[in-house]
Amino acid sequence: MAHDVIIAVDEKGEFQLPDAVMARRGWKCGSRLIAELVPGGLVLKDAPPEDESKCGLT
């Protein structure tokens, strides 16, 4: 996506990413992301998969 997309933040501080962004990144409901604060904004990145051993599963 080579152009800026303006999205609104709701009263809960939540926002919805456009379907085109979600599809391009392969994100879906439940995808884990890293929110990185950078000068002038915020960058969303794929989070590493959860380590199942940390969840009590072995």
C-alpha atoms as a PDB file:
ATOM      1  CA  MET A   1       0.000   0.000   0.000  1.00  0.00           C
ATOM      2  CA  ALA A   2       1.830   3.064  -1.233  1.00  0.00           C
ATOM      3  CA  HIS A   3      -0.576   5.678   0.077  1.00  0.00           C
ATOM      4  CA  ASP A   4      -1.600   6.893   3.493  1.00  0.00           C
ATOM      5  CA  VAL A   5      -4.856   5.681   5.000  1.00  0.00           C
ATOM      6  CA  ILE A   6      -6.619   7.739   7.651  1.00  0.00           C
ATOM      7  CA  ILE A   7      -8.411   5.745  10.326  1.00  0.00           C
ATOM      8  CA  ALA A   8     -10.357   6.931  13.357  1.00  0.00           C
ATOM      9  CA  VAL A   9      -9.760   5.956  16.980  1.00  0.00           C
ATOM     10  CA  ASP A  10     -12.990   5.303  18.901  1.00  0.00           C
ATOM     11  CA  GLU A  11     -13.878   6.268  22.471  1.00  0.00           C
ATOM     12  CA  LYS A  12     -12.248   3.057  23.776  1.00  0.00           C
ATOM     13  CA  GLY A  13      -8.958   3.913  22.065  1.00  0.00           C
ATOM     14  CA  GLU A  14      -9.485   1.187  19.468  1.00  0.00           C
ATOM     15  CA  PHE A  15      -9.245   1.359  15.695  1.00  0.00           C
ATOM     16  CA  GLN A  16      -9.935  -0.972  12.797  1.00  0.00           C
ATOM     17  CA  LEU A  17      -7.349  -1.573  10.110  1.00  0.00           C
ATOM     18  CA  PRO A  18      -8.680  -1.563   6.555  1.00  0.00           C
ATOM     19  CA  ASP A  19      -9.331  -4.997   5.005  1.00  0.00           C
ATOM     20  CA  ALA A  20      -6.699  -4.324   2.319  1.00  0.00           C
ATOM     21  CA  VAL A  21      -4.014  -3.768   4.983  1.00  0.00           C
ATOM     22  CA  MET A  22      -5.077  -6.880   6.892  1.00  0.00           C
ATOM     23  CA  ALA A  23      -5.053  -9.009   3.745  1.00  0.00           C
ATOM     24  CA  ARG A  24      -1.704  -7.718   2.509  1.00  0.00           C
ATOM     25  CA  ARG A  25      -0.036  -8.507   5.847  1.00  0.00           C
ATOM     26  CA  GLY A  26      -1.877 -11.818   6.276  1.00  0.00           C
ATOM     27  CA  TRP A  27      -3.379 -10.612   9.560  1.00  0.00           C
ATOM     28  CA  LYS A  28      -6.744 -11.860  10.775  1.00  0.00           C
ATOM     29  CA  CYS A  29      -8.800 -11.610  13.933  1.00  0.00           C
ATOM     30  CA  GLY A  30      -6.562 -12.740  16.781  1.00  0.00           C
ATOM     31  CA  SER A  31      -3.265 -11.954  15.025  1.00  0.00           C
ATOM     32  CA  ARG A  32      -0.627 -10.753  17.497  1.00  0.00           C
ATOM     33  CA  LEU A  33       1.167  -7.522  16.639  1.00  0.00           C
ATOM     34  CA  ILE A  34       3.972  -5.447  18.090  1.00  0.00           C
ATOM     35  CA  ALA A  35       3.179  -1.719  18.347  1.00  0.00           C
ATOM     36  CA  GLU A  36       6.449   0.204  18.102  1.00  0.00           C
ATOM     37  CA  LEU A  37       6.513   3.910  18.869  1.00  0.00           C
ATOM     38  CA  VAL A  38       8.777   5.718  16.416  1.00  0.00           C
ATOM     39  CA  PRO A  39       9.471   9.413  15.899  1.00  0.00           C
ATOM     40  CA  GLY A  40       6.331  10.804  14.311  1.00  0.00           C
ATOM     41  CA  GLY A  41       4.124   7.760  14.710  1.00  0.00           C
ATOM     42  CA  LEU A  42       3.503   4.111  15.331  1.00  0.00           C
ATOM     43  CA  VAL A  43       4.646   1.018  13.454  1.00  0.00           C
ATOM     44  CA  LEU A  44       2.745  -2.291  13.617  1.00  0.00           C
ATOM     45  CA  LYS A  45       4.771  -5.468  13.079  1.00  0.00           C
ATOM     46  CA  ASP A  46       4.112  -9.196  13.224  1.00  0.00           C
ATOM     47  CA  ALA A  47       4.723 -10.558  16.725  1.00  0.00           C
ATOM     48  CA  PRO A  48       6.656 -13.789  17.098  1.00  0.00           C
ATOM     49  CA  PRO A  49       4.523 -16.861  17.744  1.00  0.00           C
ATOM     50  CA  GLU A  50       3.695 -17.469  21.384  1.00  0.00           C
ATOM     51  CA  ASP A  51       5.860 -19.998  23.134  1.00  0.00           C
ATOM     52  CA  GLU A  52       3.330 -22.654  24.118  1.00  0.00           C
ATOM     53  CA  SER A  53       5.540 -23.804  27.007  1.00  0.00           C
ATOM     54  CA  LYS A  54       4.988 -20.380  28.624  1.00  0.00           C
ATOM     55  CA  CYS A  55       1.230 -20.952  28.499  1.00  0.00           C
ATOM     56  CA  GLY A  56       1.396 -24.054  30.674  1.00  0.00           C
ATOM     57  CA  LEU A  57       1.214 -26.387  27.677  1.00  0.00           C
ATOM     58  CA  THR A  58       3.952 -28.948  27.180  1.00  0.00           C
END
